[in-house]
N, C-alpha and C. Protein backbone atom coordinates (compact mmCIF):
# COMPACT_ATOMS: atom_id res chain seq x y z
N MET A 1 -18.81 125.14 -20.32
CA MET A 1 -18.62 125.21 -21.74
C MET A 1 -19.21 126.52 -22.23
N LYS A 2 -18.44 127.26 -23.02
CA LYS A 2 -18.88 128.53 -23.58
C LYS A 2 -19.24 128.33 -25.05
N ILE A 3 -20.48 128.64 -25.39
CA ILE A 3 -20.93 128.50 -26.78
C ILE A 3 -21.30 129.87 -27.30
N GLU A 4 -20.80 130.19 -28.48
CA GLU A 4 -21.09 131.48 -29.08
C GLU A 4 -21.62 131.26 -30.48
N THR A 5 -22.72 131.91 -30.80
CA THR A 5 -23.29 131.80 -32.13
C THR A 5 -23.21 133.15 -32.82
N VAL A 6 -22.64 133.18 -34.00
CA VAL A 6 -22.53 134.41 -34.77
C VAL A 6 -23.09 134.14 -36.15
N ASN A 7 -23.97 135.02 -36.61
CA ASN A 7 -24.52 134.92 -37.95
C ASN A 7 -23.80 135.93 -38.83
N CYS A 8 -22.75 135.49 -39.50
CA CYS A 8 -21.95 136.38 -40.33
C CYS A 8 -22.73 136.87 -41.55
N ASN A 9 -23.74 136.13 -41.98
CA ASN A 9 -24.50 136.53 -43.17
C ASN A 9 -25.18 137.88 -43.01
N GLN A 10 -25.44 138.31 -41.78
CA GLN A 10 -26.11 139.59 -41.59
C GLN A 10 -25.21 140.77 -41.96
N TRP A 11 -23.91 140.53 -42.10
CA TRP A 11 -22.96 141.59 -42.48
C TRP A 11 -22.53 141.45 -43.94
N THR A 12 -23.33 140.80 -44.77
CA THR A 12 -22.94 140.44 -46.13
C THR A 12 -22.37 141.60 -46.94
N THR A 13 -22.94 142.79 -46.84
CA THR A 13 -22.47 143.89 -47.68
C THR A 13 -21.63 144.91 -46.92
N LEU A 14 -21.34 144.65 -45.67
CA LEU A 14 -20.61 145.61 -44.84
C LEU A 14 -19.26 145.03 -44.43
N LYS A 15 -18.26 145.17 -45.31
CA LYS A 15 -16.96 144.55 -45.07
C LYS A 15 -16.32 144.99 -43.75
N GLU A 16 -16.28 146.28 -43.48
CA GLU A 16 -15.63 146.75 -42.26
C GLU A 16 -16.35 146.26 -41.01
N THR A 17 -17.67 146.23 -41.03
CA THR A 17 -18.43 145.72 -39.90
C THR A 17 -18.18 144.23 -39.74
N CYS A 18 -18.12 143.52 -40.86
CA CYS A 18 -17.84 142.08 -40.83
C CYS A 18 -16.50 141.81 -40.16
N LEU A 19 -15.48 142.58 -40.51
CA LEU A 19 -14.14 142.35 -39.97
C LEU A 19 -14.05 142.70 -38.49
N ASN A 20 -15.02 143.44 -37.96
CA ASN A 20 -15.04 143.75 -36.53
C ASN A 20 -15.79 142.70 -35.73
N GLN A 21 -16.29 141.67 -36.37
CA GLN A 21 -16.96 140.58 -35.66
C GLN A 21 -15.93 139.51 -35.31
N LYS A 22 -15.95 139.05 -34.08
CA LYS A 22 -14.93 138.13 -33.58
C LYS A 22 -14.83 136.82 -34.37
N SER A 23 -15.91 136.32 -34.90
CA SER A 23 -15.90 135.01 -35.56
C SER A 23 -16.24 135.08 -37.03
N CYS A 24 -15.98 136.23 -37.66
CA CYS A 24 -16.30 136.39 -39.08
C CYS A 24 -15.09 136.90 -39.85
N GLY A 25 -15.07 136.63 -41.14
CA GLY A 25 -14.05 137.14 -42.03
C GLY A 25 -14.67 137.46 -43.38
N TRP A 26 -13.94 138.18 -44.20
CA TRP A 26 -14.45 138.62 -45.49
C TRP A 26 -13.88 137.75 -46.61
N CYS A 27 -14.78 137.21 -47.45
CA CYS A 27 -14.35 136.43 -48.62
C CYS A 27 -14.42 137.35 -49.83
N TRP A 28 -13.26 137.71 -50.37
CA TRP A 28 -13.20 138.60 -51.51
C TRP A 28 -13.74 137.93 -52.78
N ALA A 29 -13.68 136.63 -52.85
CA ALA A 29 -14.15 135.92 -54.05
C ALA A 29 -15.66 136.08 -54.23
N THR A 30 -16.39 136.16 -53.12
CA THR A 30 -17.85 136.28 -53.19
C THR A 30 -18.36 137.61 -52.64
N ASN A 31 -17.44 138.48 -52.19
CA ASN A 31 -17.81 139.75 -51.56
C ASN A 31 -18.87 139.52 -50.48
N SER A 32 -18.55 138.60 -49.55
CA SER A 32 -19.50 138.28 -48.50
C SER A 32 -18.77 138.00 -47.18
N CYS A 33 -19.52 138.14 -46.12
CA CYS A 33 -19.03 137.88 -44.77
C CYS A 33 -19.32 136.42 -44.43
N ILE A 34 -18.27 135.71 -44.02
CA ILE A 34 -18.43 134.28 -43.75
C ILE A 34 -17.81 133.94 -42.39
N PRO A 35 -18.21 132.82 -41.79
CA PRO A 35 -17.59 132.41 -40.53
C PRO A 35 -16.10 132.10 -40.73
N GLY A 36 -15.31 132.46 -39.72
CA GLY A 36 -13.88 132.16 -39.80
C GLY A 36 -13.14 132.78 -38.64
N ASN A 37 -11.83 132.58 -38.66
CA ASN A 37 -10.96 133.14 -37.62
C ASN A 37 -9.59 133.41 -38.22
N ASP A 38 -8.60 133.69 -37.36
CA ASP A 38 -7.26 134.00 -37.86
C ASP A 38 -6.56 132.81 -38.51
N LYS A 39 -7.08 131.61 -38.32
CA LYS A 39 -6.50 130.41 -38.95
C LYS A 39 -7.04 130.19 -40.37
N GLY A 40 -8.20 130.79 -40.68
CA GLY A 40 -8.76 130.65 -42.01
C GLY A 40 -10.27 130.63 -42.00
N PRO A 41 -10.86 130.54 -43.18
CA PRO A 41 -12.32 130.53 -43.28
C PRO A 41 -12.92 129.22 -42.78
N LEU A 42 -14.13 129.31 -42.26
CA LEU A 42 -14.86 128.12 -41.82
C LEU A 42 -16.05 127.87 -42.75
N ALA A 43 -15.99 128.46 -43.93
CA ALA A 43 -16.98 128.28 -45.00
C ALA A 43 -16.20 128.34 -46.31
N PRO A 44 -16.77 127.83 -47.39
CA PRO A 44 -16.04 127.84 -48.67
C PRO A 44 -15.64 129.25 -49.10
N CYS A 45 -14.37 129.40 -49.48
CA CYS A 45 -13.83 130.65 -50.01
C CYS A 45 -12.55 130.29 -50.76
N LEU A 46 -12.35 130.86 -51.93
CA LEU A 46 -11.16 130.55 -52.72
C LEU A 46 -9.89 130.85 -51.94
N ARG A 47 -8.88 130.02 -52.12
CA ARG A 47 -7.60 130.17 -51.43
C ARG A 47 -7.00 131.56 -51.72
N GLY A 48 -6.56 132.22 -50.68
CA GLY A 48 -5.94 133.53 -50.83
C GLY A 48 -6.93 134.67 -50.95
N ARG A 49 -8.21 134.39 -50.83
CA ARG A 49 -9.23 135.42 -51.00
C ARG A 49 -9.99 135.69 -49.69
N TYR A 50 -9.44 135.26 -48.56
CA TYR A 50 -10.08 135.42 -47.26
C TYR A 50 -9.32 136.43 -46.42
N GLU A 51 -10.04 137.34 -45.78
CA GLU A 51 -9.42 138.35 -44.92
C GLU A 51 -10.06 138.28 -43.54
N TYR A 52 -9.21 138.27 -42.51
CA TYR A 52 -9.69 138.25 -41.12
C TYR A 52 -8.94 139.31 -40.34
N SER A 53 -9.66 140.03 -39.53
CA SER A 53 -9.05 141.03 -38.67
C SER A 53 -9.78 141.03 -37.35
N SER A 54 -9.11 140.68 -36.29
CA SER A 54 -9.73 140.64 -34.97
C SER A 54 -10.01 142.05 -34.50
N PRO A 55 -11.20 142.30 -33.93
CA PRO A 55 -11.49 143.65 -33.45
C PRO A 55 -10.59 144.03 -32.28
N GLN A 56 -10.29 145.32 -32.18
CA GLN A 56 -9.50 145.81 -31.06
C GLN A 56 -10.31 145.70 -29.78
N ASP A 57 -9.63 145.63 -28.64
CA ASP A 57 -10.31 145.53 -27.35
C ASP A 57 -11.21 146.74 -27.09
N THR A 58 -10.87 147.87 -27.67
CA THR A 58 -11.65 149.09 -27.45
C THR A 58 -12.73 149.30 -28.50
N TRP A 59 -12.91 148.34 -29.42
CA TRP A 59 -13.91 148.50 -30.47
C TRP A 59 -15.29 148.62 -29.87
N ASN A 60 -16.05 149.58 -30.38
CA ASN A 60 -17.39 149.85 -29.87
C ASN A 60 -18.36 149.88 -31.04
N PRO A 61 -19.37 149.03 -31.06
CA PRO A 61 -20.31 149.00 -32.17
C PRO A 61 -21.28 150.18 -32.18
N LEU A 62 -21.32 150.93 -31.08
CA LEU A 62 -22.22 152.08 -31.00
C LEU A 62 -21.49 153.34 -31.43
N ASP A 63 -22.16 154.16 -32.21
CA ASP A 63 -21.56 155.37 -32.75
C ASP A 63 -21.88 156.56 -31.85
N THR A 64 -21.41 156.51 -30.61
CA THR A 64 -21.68 157.59 -29.67
C THR A 64 -20.64 157.57 -28.56
N ASN A 65 -20.46 158.72 -27.96
CA ASN A 65 -19.54 158.80 -26.81
C ASN A 65 -20.30 158.79 -25.50
N ASP A 66 -21.62 158.65 -25.56
CA ASP A 66 -22.45 158.70 -24.37
C ASP A 66 -22.76 157.32 -23.81
N ILE A 67 -21.73 156.51 -23.65
CA ILE A 67 -21.93 155.15 -23.13
C ILE A 67 -20.86 154.82 -22.11
N ASN A 68 -21.15 153.84 -21.28
CA ASN A 68 -20.19 153.28 -20.34
C ASN A 68 -19.90 151.85 -20.76
N ILE A 69 -18.64 151.47 -20.78
CA ILE A 69 -18.24 150.11 -21.10
C ILE A 69 -17.58 149.52 -19.86
N SER A 70 -18.09 148.37 -19.41
CA SER A 70 -17.45 147.70 -18.28
C SER A 70 -17.18 146.25 -18.65
N ARG A 71 -16.07 145.75 -18.14
CA ARG A 71 -15.68 144.36 -18.40
C ARG A 71 -15.41 143.68 -17.07
N MET A 72 -15.89 142.45 -16.93
CA MET A 72 -15.60 141.68 -15.71
C MET A 72 -15.48 140.21 -16.06
N ASN A 73 -14.77 139.50 -15.21
CA ASN A 73 -14.57 138.07 -15.39
C ASN A 73 -15.70 137.33 -14.66
N VAL A 74 -16.46 136.54 -15.42
CA VAL A 74 -17.56 135.76 -14.84
C VAL A 74 -17.33 134.30 -15.20
N ALA A 75 -17.06 133.47 -14.21
CA ALA A 75 -16.83 132.04 -14.41
C ALA A 75 -15.78 131.76 -15.48
N GLY A 76 -14.73 132.57 -15.50
CA GLY A 76 -13.63 132.36 -16.43
C GLY A 76 -13.82 132.96 -17.80
N ALA A 77 -14.92 133.65 -18.03
CA ALA A 77 -15.17 134.29 -19.33
C ALA A 77 -15.36 135.78 -19.12
N GLN A 78 -14.91 136.57 -20.11
CA GLN A 78 -15.06 138.01 -20.00
C GLN A 78 -16.48 138.41 -20.36
N LEU A 79 -17.11 139.22 -19.52
CA LEU A 79 -18.42 139.76 -19.77
C LEU A 79 -18.26 141.26 -20.00
N THR A 80 -18.67 141.72 -21.17
CA THR A 80 -18.61 143.14 -21.50
C THR A 80 -20.03 143.68 -21.55
N THR A 81 -20.27 144.76 -20.81
CA THR A 81 -21.58 145.40 -20.86
C THR A 81 -21.42 146.83 -21.34
N ILE A 82 -22.38 147.26 -22.15
CA ILE A 82 -22.40 148.62 -22.69
C ILE A 82 -23.73 149.24 -22.28
N THR A 83 -23.66 150.33 -21.54
CA THR A 83 -24.88 150.99 -21.07
C THR A 83 -24.81 152.49 -21.36
N PRO A 84 -25.97 153.13 -21.51
CA PRO A 84 -25.97 154.58 -21.71
C PRO A 84 -25.47 155.29 -20.45
N LYS A 85 -24.85 156.46 -20.62
CA LYS A 85 -24.39 157.27 -19.48
C LYS A 85 -25.58 157.95 -18.85
């Protein structure tokens, strides 16, 4: 069983960063980052005021070109590691 915990509240004022989180979406009604997915919000948000955008596979949270990104399959789940060059 794969369990993932994401605290969307930490991206409350950063809409673009919020939209790059796999399990978060932006609620325009409250200008806040809330849990959700492509099917809809998983927290209260007015109808039609929720935005979700899945991050691209190449999305990198680090603002540098001096890193190595590797991906491997571990027990049926993808493991992504980011290390300095």
